[in-house]
């Protein structure tokens, strides 16, 4: 029940919110981005770095999937 009450109504809404948050970061270095995870039905805002470290997840935007 909680699943249907939380999250965005569509992948499009989750994508738009991810990119809205992305625009608030200084992304001149290109280290920030949004990516779609189809397994978990989430858009993910992340920060990557120049080294071989994994990207740091900043925020997840889950959407309802039927």
PDB file of N, CA and C in Angstrom:
ATOM      1  N   UNK A   1       0.818  -1.193   0.000  1.00  0.00           N
ATOM      2  CA  UNK A   1       0.000   0.000   0.000  1.00  0.00           C
ATOM      3  C   UNK A   1       0.867   1.263   0.000  1.00  0.00           C
ATOM      4  N   UNK A   2       1.922   1.273   0.821  1.00  0.00           N
ATOM      5  CA  UNK A   2       2.786   2.443   0.902  1.00  0.00           C
ATOM      6  C   UNK A   2       3.464   2.699  -0.441  1.00  0.00           C
ATOM      7  N   UNK A   3       3.771   1.636  -1.188  1.00  0.00           N
ATOM      8  CA  UNK A   3       4.413   1.776  -2.499  1.00  0.00           C
ATOM      9  C   UNK A   3       3.603   2.679  -3.418  1.00  0.00           C
ATOM     10  N   UNK A   4       2.287   2.514  -3.413  1.00  0.00           N
ATOM     11  CA  UNK A   4       1.431   3.287  -4.309  1.00  0.00           C
ATOM     12  C   UNK A   4       1.175   4.708  -3.816  1.00  0.00           C
ATOM     13  N   UNK A   5       1.468   4.983  -2.559  1.00  0.00           N
ATOM     14  CA  UNK A   5       1.260   6.315  -2.012  1.00  0.00           C
ATOM     15  C   UNK A   5       2.514   7.184  -2.091  1.00  0.00           C
ATOM     16  N   UNK A   6       3.655   6.562  -2.354  1.00  0.00           N
ATOM     17  CA  UNK A   6       4.905   7.313  -2.412  1.00  0.00           C
ATOM     18  C   UNK A   6       5.505   7.202  -3.808  1.00  0.00           C
ATOM     19  N   UNK A   7       6.423   8.048  -4.104  1.00  0.00           N
ATOM     20  CA  UNK A   7       7.091   8.014  -5.398  1.00  0.00           C
ATOM     21  C   UNK A   7       6.352   8.858  -6.423  1.00  0.00           C
ATOM     22  N   UNK A   8       6.994   9.029  -7.543  1.00  0.00           N
ATOM     23  CA  UNK A   8       6.412   9.802  -8.641  1.00  0.00           C
ATOM     24  C   UNK A   8       5.471   8.922  -9.448  1.00  0.00           C
ATOM     25  N   UNK A   9       4.505   9.542 -10.097  1.00  0.00           N
ATOM     26  CA  UNK A   9       3.504   8.789 -10.847  1.00  0.00           C
ATOM     27  C   UNK A   9       4.040   8.195 -12.141  1.00  0.00           C
ATOM     28  N   UNK A  10       5.143   8.747 -12.661  1.00  0.00           N
ATOM     29  CA  UNK A  10       5.679   8.228 -13.924  1.00  0.00           C
ATOM     30  C   UNK A  10       7.195   8.396 -13.960  1.00  0.00           C
ATOM     31  N   UNK A  11       7.828   7.666 -14.866  1.00  0.00           N
ATOM     32  CA  UNK A  11       9.265   7.794 -15.071  1.00  0.00           C
ATOM     33  C   UNK A  11       9.599   9.191 -15.556  1.00  0.00           C
ATOM     34  N   UNK A  12       8.720   9.772 -16.342  1.00  0.00           N
ATOM     35  CA  UNK A  12       8.936  11.124 -16.850  1.00  0.00           C
ATOM     36  C   UNK A  12       9.045  12.133 -15.707  1.00  0.00           C
ATOM     37  N   UNK A  13       8.129  12.038 -14.725  1.00  0.00           N
ATOM     38  CA  UNK A  13       8.168  12.947 -13.584  1.00  0.00           C
ATOM     39  C   UNK A  13       9.450  12.764 -12.776  1.00  0.00           C
ATOM     40  N   UNK A  14       9.838  11.518 -12.565  1.00  0.00           N
ATOM     41  CA  UNK A  14      11.070  11.242 -11.827  1.00  0.00           C
ATOM     42  C   UNK A  14      12.277  11.800 -12.577  1.00  0.00           C
ATOM     43  N   UNK A  15      12.300  11.627 -13.890  1.00  0.00           N
ATOM     44  CA  UNK A  15      13.376  12.162 -14.728  1.00  0.00           C
ATOM     45  C   UNK A  15      13.435  13.682 -14.630  1.00  0.00           C
ATOM     46  N   UNK A  16      12.303  14.340 -14.739  1.00  0.00           N
ATOM     47  CA  UNK A  16      12.266  15.799 -14.669  1.00  0.00           C
ATOM     48  C   UNK A  16      12.764  16.308 -13.319  1.00  0.00           C
ATOM     49  N   UNK A  17      12.393  15.632 -12.248  1.00  0.00           N
ATOM     50  CA  UNK A  17      12.842  16.049 -10.923  1.00  0.00           C
ATOM     51  C   UNK A  17      14.331  15.814 -10.740  1.00  0.00           C
ATOM     52  N   UNK A  18      14.843  14.715 -11.257  1.00  0.00           N
ATOM     53  CA  UNK A  18      16.275  14.446 -11.180  1.00  0.00           C
ATOM     54  C   UNK A  18      17.052  15.548 -11.898  1.00  0.00           C
ATOM     55  N   UNK A  19      16.625  15.886 -13.104  1.00  0.00           N
ATOM     56  CA  UNK A  19      17.319  16.927 -13.859  1.00  0.00           C
ATOM     57  C   UNK A  19      17.127  18.315 -13.244  1.00  0.00           C
ATOM     58  N   UNK A  20      16.026  18.525 -12.558  1.00  0.00           N
ATOM     59  CA  UNK A  20      15.823  19.782 -11.849  1.00  0.00           C
ATOM     60  C   UNK A  20      16.831  19.907 -10.703  1.00  0.00           C
ATOM     61  N   UNK A  21      17.008  18.838  -9.928  1.00  0.00           N
ATOM     62  CA  UNK A  21      18.014  18.839  -8.867  1.00  0.00           C
ATOM     63  C   UNK A  21      19.405  18.987  -9.464  1.00  0.00           C
ATOM     64  N   UNK A  22      19.656  18.323 -10.585  1.00  0.00           N
ATOM     65  CA  UNK A  22      20.960  18.387 -11.244  1.00  0.00           C
ATOM     66  C   UNK A  22      21.320  19.826 -11.606  1.00  0.00           C
ATOM     67  N   UNK A  23      20.342  20.595 -12.042  1.00  0.00           N
ATOM     68  CA  UNK A  23      20.614  21.974 -12.440  1.00  0.00           C
ATOM     69  C   UNK A  23      21.033  22.848 -11.261  1.00  0.00           C
ATOM     70  N   UNK A  24      20.751  22.418 -10.030  1.00  0.00           N
ATOM     71  CA  UNK A  24      21.144  23.203  -8.863  1.00  0.00           C
ATOM     72  C   UNK A  24      22.607  22.967  -8.473  1.00  0.00           C
ATOM     73  N   UNK A  25      23.273  22.002  -9.106  1.00  0.00           N
ATOM     74  CA  UNK A  25      24.683  21.717  -8.829  1.00  0.00           C
ATOM     75  C   UNK A  25      25.555  22.410  -9.868  1.00  0.00           C
ATOM     76  N   UNK A  26      26.725  22.842  -9.433  1.00  0.00           N
ATOM     77  CA  UNK A  26      27.697  23.423 -10.356  1.00  0.00           C
ATOM     78  C   UNK A  26      28.317  22.265 -11.139  1.00  0.00           C
ATOM     79  N   UNK A  27      27.879  22.080 -12.357  1.00  0.00           N
ATOM     80  CA  UNK A  27      28.270  20.902 -13.127  1.00  0.00           C
ATOM     81  C   UNK A  27      29.247  21.245 -14.257  1.00  0.00           C
ATOM     82  N   UNK A  28      30.068  22.257 -14.064  1.00  0.00           N
ATOM     83  CA  UNK A  28      31.036  22.615 -15.095  1.00  0.00           C
ATOM     84  C   UNK A  28      32.063  21.511 -15.306  1.00  0.00           C
ATOM     85  N   UNK A  29      32.348  20.749 -14.258  1.00  0.00           N
ATOM     86  CA  UNK A  29      33.310  19.653 -14.372  1.00  0.00           C
ATOM     87  C   UNK A  29      32.694  18.433 -15.044  1.00  0.00           C
ATOM     88  N   UNK A  30      31.371  18.394 -15.125  1.00  0.00           N
ATOM     89  CA  UNK A  30      30.694  17.240 -15.726  1.00  0.00           C
ATOM     90  C   UNK A  30      30.665  16.026 -14.818  1.00  0.00           C
ATOM     91  N   UNK A  31      30.883  16.230 -13.521  1.00  0.00           N
ATOM     92  CA  UNK A  31      30.923  15.114 -12.576  1.00  0.00           C
ATOM     93  C   UNK A  31      29.552  14.690 -12.065  1.00  0.00           C
ATOM     94  N   UNK A  32      28.522  15.473 -12.336  1.00  0.00           N
ATOM     95  CA  UNK A  32      27.187  15.144 -11.857  1.00  0.00           C
ATOM     96  C   UNK A  32      26.339  14.682 -13.033  1.00  0.00           C
ATOM     97  N   UNK A  33      25.391  13.787 -12.751  1.00  0.00           N
ATOM     98  CA  UNK A  33      24.514  13.338 -13.812  1.00  0.00           C
ATOM     99  C   UNK A  33      23.299  12.616 -13.274  1.00  0.00           C
ATOM    100  N   UNK A  34      22.358  12.331 -14.167  1.00  0.00           N
ATOM    101  CA  UNK A  34      21.164  11.553 -13.850  1.00  0.00           C
ATOM    102  C   UNK A  34      21.191  10.308 -14.723  1.00  0.00           C
ATOM    103  N   UNK A  35      20.810   9.200 -14.149  1.00  0.00           N
ATOM    104  CA  UNK A  35      20.778   7.949 -14.895  1.00  0.00           C
ATOM    105  C   UNK A  35      19.545   7.162 -14.486  1.00  0.00           C
ATOM    106  N   UNK A  36      19.034   6.386 -15.405  1.00  0.00           N
ATOM    107  CA  UNK A  36      17.826   5.599 -15.180  1.00  0.00           C
ATOM    108  C   UNK A  36      18.202   4.169 -14.831  1.00  0.00           C
ATOM    109  N   UNK A  37      17.737   3.686 -13.692  1.00  0.00           N
ATOM    110  CA  UNK A  37      17.946   2.301 -13.286  1.00  0.00           C
ATOM    111  C   UNK A  37      16.646   1.549 -13.525  1.00  0.00           C
ATOM    112  N   UNK A  38      16.592   0.755 -14.585  1.00  0.00           N
ATOM    113  CA  UNK A  38      15.350   0.073 -14.950  1.00  0.00           C
ATOM    114  C   UNK A  38      15.010  -1.083 -14.014  1.00  0.00           C
ATOM    115  N   UNK A  39      15.996  -1.646 -13.332  1.00  0.00           N
ATOM    116  CA  UNK A  39      15.714  -2.754 -12.407  1.00  0.00           C
ATOM    117  C   UNK A  39      14.951  -2.284 -11.179  1.00  0.00           C
ATOM    118  N   UNK A  40      15.321  -1.133 -10.649  1.00  0.00           N
ATOM    119  CA  UNK A  40      14.684  -0.641  -9.423  1.00  0.00           C
ATOM    120  C   UNK A  40      13.639   0.428  -9.692  1.00  0.00           C
ATOM    121  N   UNK A  41      13.452   0.804 -10.968  1.00  0.00           N
ATOM    122  CA  UNK A  41      12.472   1.824 -11.363  1.00  0.00           C
ATOM    123  C   UNK A  41      12.745   3.144 -10.656  1.00  0.00           C
ATOM    124  N   UNK A  42      14.005   3.604 -10.804  1.00  0.00           N
ATOM    125  CA  UNK A  42      14.414   4.860 -10.190  1.00  0.00           C
ATOM    126  C   UNK A  42      15.296   5.643 -11.156  1.00  0.00           C
ATOM    127  N   UNK A  43      15.202   6.955 -11.051  1.00  0.00           N
ATOM    128  CA  UNK A  43      16.188   7.842 -11.656  1.00  0.00           C
ATOM    129  C   UNK A  43      17.143   8.192 -10.533  1.00  0.00           C
ATOM    130  N   UNK A  44      18.429   8.223 -10.825  1.00  0.00           N
ATOM    131  CA  UNK A  44      19.446   8.421  -9.797  1.00  0.00           C
ATOM    132  C   UNK A  44      20.302   9.638 -10.146  1.00  0.00           C
ATOM    133  N   UNK A  45      20.405  10.553  -9.180  1.00  0.00           N
ATOM    134  CA  UNK A  45      21.313  11.684  -9.289  1.00  0.00           C
ATOM    135  C   UNK A  45      22.625  11.251  -8.646  1.00  0.00           C
ATOM    136  N   UNK A  46      23.723  11.354  -9.384  1.00  0.00           N
ATOM    137  CA  UNK A  46      24.997  10.849  -8.886  1.00  0.00           C
ATOM    138  C   UNK A  46      26.130  11.846  -9.134  1.00  0.00           C
ATOM    139  N   UNK A  47      27.212  11.623  -8.398  1.00  0.00           N
ATOM    140  CA  UNK A  47      28.444  12.381  -8.597  1.00  0.00           C
ATOM    141  C   UNK A  47      29.552  11.378  -8.872  1.00  0.00           C
ATOM    142  N   UNK A  48      30.190  11.505 -10.004  1.00  0.00           N
ATOM    143  CA  UNK A  48      31.327  10.643 -10.317  1.00  0.00           C
ATOM    144  C   UNK A  48      32.604  11.442 -10.074  1.00  0.00           C
ATOM    145  N   UNK A  49      33.723  10.756 -10.088  1.00  0.00           N
ATOM    146  CA  UNK A  49      34.980  11.461  -9.909  1.00  0.00           C
ATOM    147  C   UNK A  49      35.986  10.966 -10.940  1.00  0.00           C
ATOM    148  N   UNK A  50      37.112  11.594 -10.982  1.00  0.00           N
ATOM    149  CA  UNK A  50      38.112  11.284 -11.993  1.00  0.00           C
ATOM    150  C   UNK A  50      38.843   9.974 -11.705  1.00  0.00           C
ATOM    151  N   UNK A  51      38.846   9.543 -10.470  1.00  0.00           N
ATOM    152  CA  UNK A  51      39.537   8.297 -10.127  1.00  0.00           C
ATOM    153  C   UNK A  51      38.648   7.103 -10.459  1.00  0.00           C
ATOM    154  N   UNK A  52      39.109   5.955 -10.154  1.00  0.00           N
ATOM    155  CA  UNK A  52      38.369   4.732 -10.492  1.00  0.00           C
ATOM    156  C   UNK A  52      37.405   4.307  -9.387  1.00  0.00           C
ATOM    157  N   UNK A  53      37.068   5.238  -8.516  1.00  0.00           N
ATOM    158  CA  UNK A  53      36.113   4.980  -7.442  1.00  0.00           C
ATOM    159  C   UNK A  53      34.696   4.904  -8.011  1.00  0.00           C
ATOM    160  N   UNK A  54      33.808   4.157  -7.357  1.00  0.00           N
ATOM    161  CA  UNK A  54      32.409   4.155  -7.800  1.00  0.00           C
ATOM    162  C   UNK A  54      31.769   5.532  -7.616  1.00  0.00           C
ATOM    163  N   UNK A  55      30.750   5.801  -8.399  1.00  0.00           N
ATOM    164  CA  UNK A  55      30.027   7.066  -8.287  1.00  0.00           C
ATOM    165  C   UNK A  55      29.300   7.137  -6.944  1.00  0.00           C
ATOM    166  N   UNK A  56      29.152   8.352  -6.442  1.00  0.00           N
ATOM    167  CA  UNK A  56      28.429   8.588  -5.187  1.00  0.00           C
ATOM    168  C   UNK A  56      26.986   8.941  -5.538  1.00  0.00           C
ATOM    169  N   UNK A  57      26.043   8.213  -4.971  1.00  0.00           N
ATOM    170  CA  UNK A  57      24.627   8.490  -5.206  1.00  0.00           C
ATOM    171  C   UNK A  57      24.196   9.616  -4.283  1.00  0.00           C
ATOM    172  N   UNK A  58      23.630  10.644  -4.877  1.00  0.00           N
ATOM    173  CA  UNK A  58      23.190  11.808  -4.105  1.00  0.00           C
ATOM    174  C   UNK A  58      21.710  11.677  -3.740  1.00  0.00           C
ATOM    175  N   UNK A  59      20.887  11.288  -4.696  1.00  0.00           N
ATOM    176  CA  UNK A  59      19.444  11.183  -4.447  1.00  0.00           C
ATOM    177  C   UNK A  59      18.833  10.220  -5.443  1.00  0.00           C
ATOM    178  N   UNK A  60      17.802   9.497  -4.991  1.00  0.00           N
ATOM    179  CA  UNK A  60      17.061   8.572  -5.859  1.00  0.00           C
ATOM    180  C   UNK A  60      15.639   9.078  -6.020  1.00  0.00           C
ATOM    181  N   UNK A  61      15.111   8.924  -7.219  1.00  0.00           N
ATOM    182  CA  UNK A  61      13.759   9.371  -7.552  1.00  0.00           C
ATOM    183  C   UNK A  61      12.967   8.153  -8.031  1.00  0.00           C
ATOM    184  N   UNK A  62      12.243   7.531  -7.116  1.00  0.00           N
ATOM    185  CA  UNK A  62      11.500   6.322  -7.440  1.00  0.00           C
ATOM    186  C   UNK A  62      10.167   6.693  -8.088  1.00  0.00           C
ATOM    187  N   UNK A  63       9.796   5.891  -9.082  1.00  0.00           N
ATOM    188  CA  UNK A  63       8.495   6.100  -9.704  1.00  0.00           C
ATOM    189  C   UNK A  63       7.697   4.814  -9.647  1.00  0.00           C
ATOM    190  N   UNK A  64       6.400   4.973  -9.720  1.00  0.00           N
ATOM    191  CA  UNK A  64       5.484   3.824  -9.651  1.00  0.00           C
ATOM    192  C   UNK A  64       5.528   3.053 -10.962  1.00  0.00           C
ATOM    193  N   UNK A  65       5.631   1.758 -10.858  1.00  0.00           N
ATOM    194  CA  UNK A  65       5.675   0.888 -12.019  1.00  0.00           C
ATOM    195  C   UNK A  65       4.596  -0.161 -11.860  1.00  0.00           C
ATOM    196  N   UNK A  66       3.742  -0.247 -12.838  1.00  0.00           N
ATOM    197  CA  UNK A  66       2.642  -1.220 -12.757  1.00  0.00           C
ATOM    198  C   UNK A  66       2.888  -2.374 -13.670  1.00  0.00           C
TER     199      UNK A  66
END
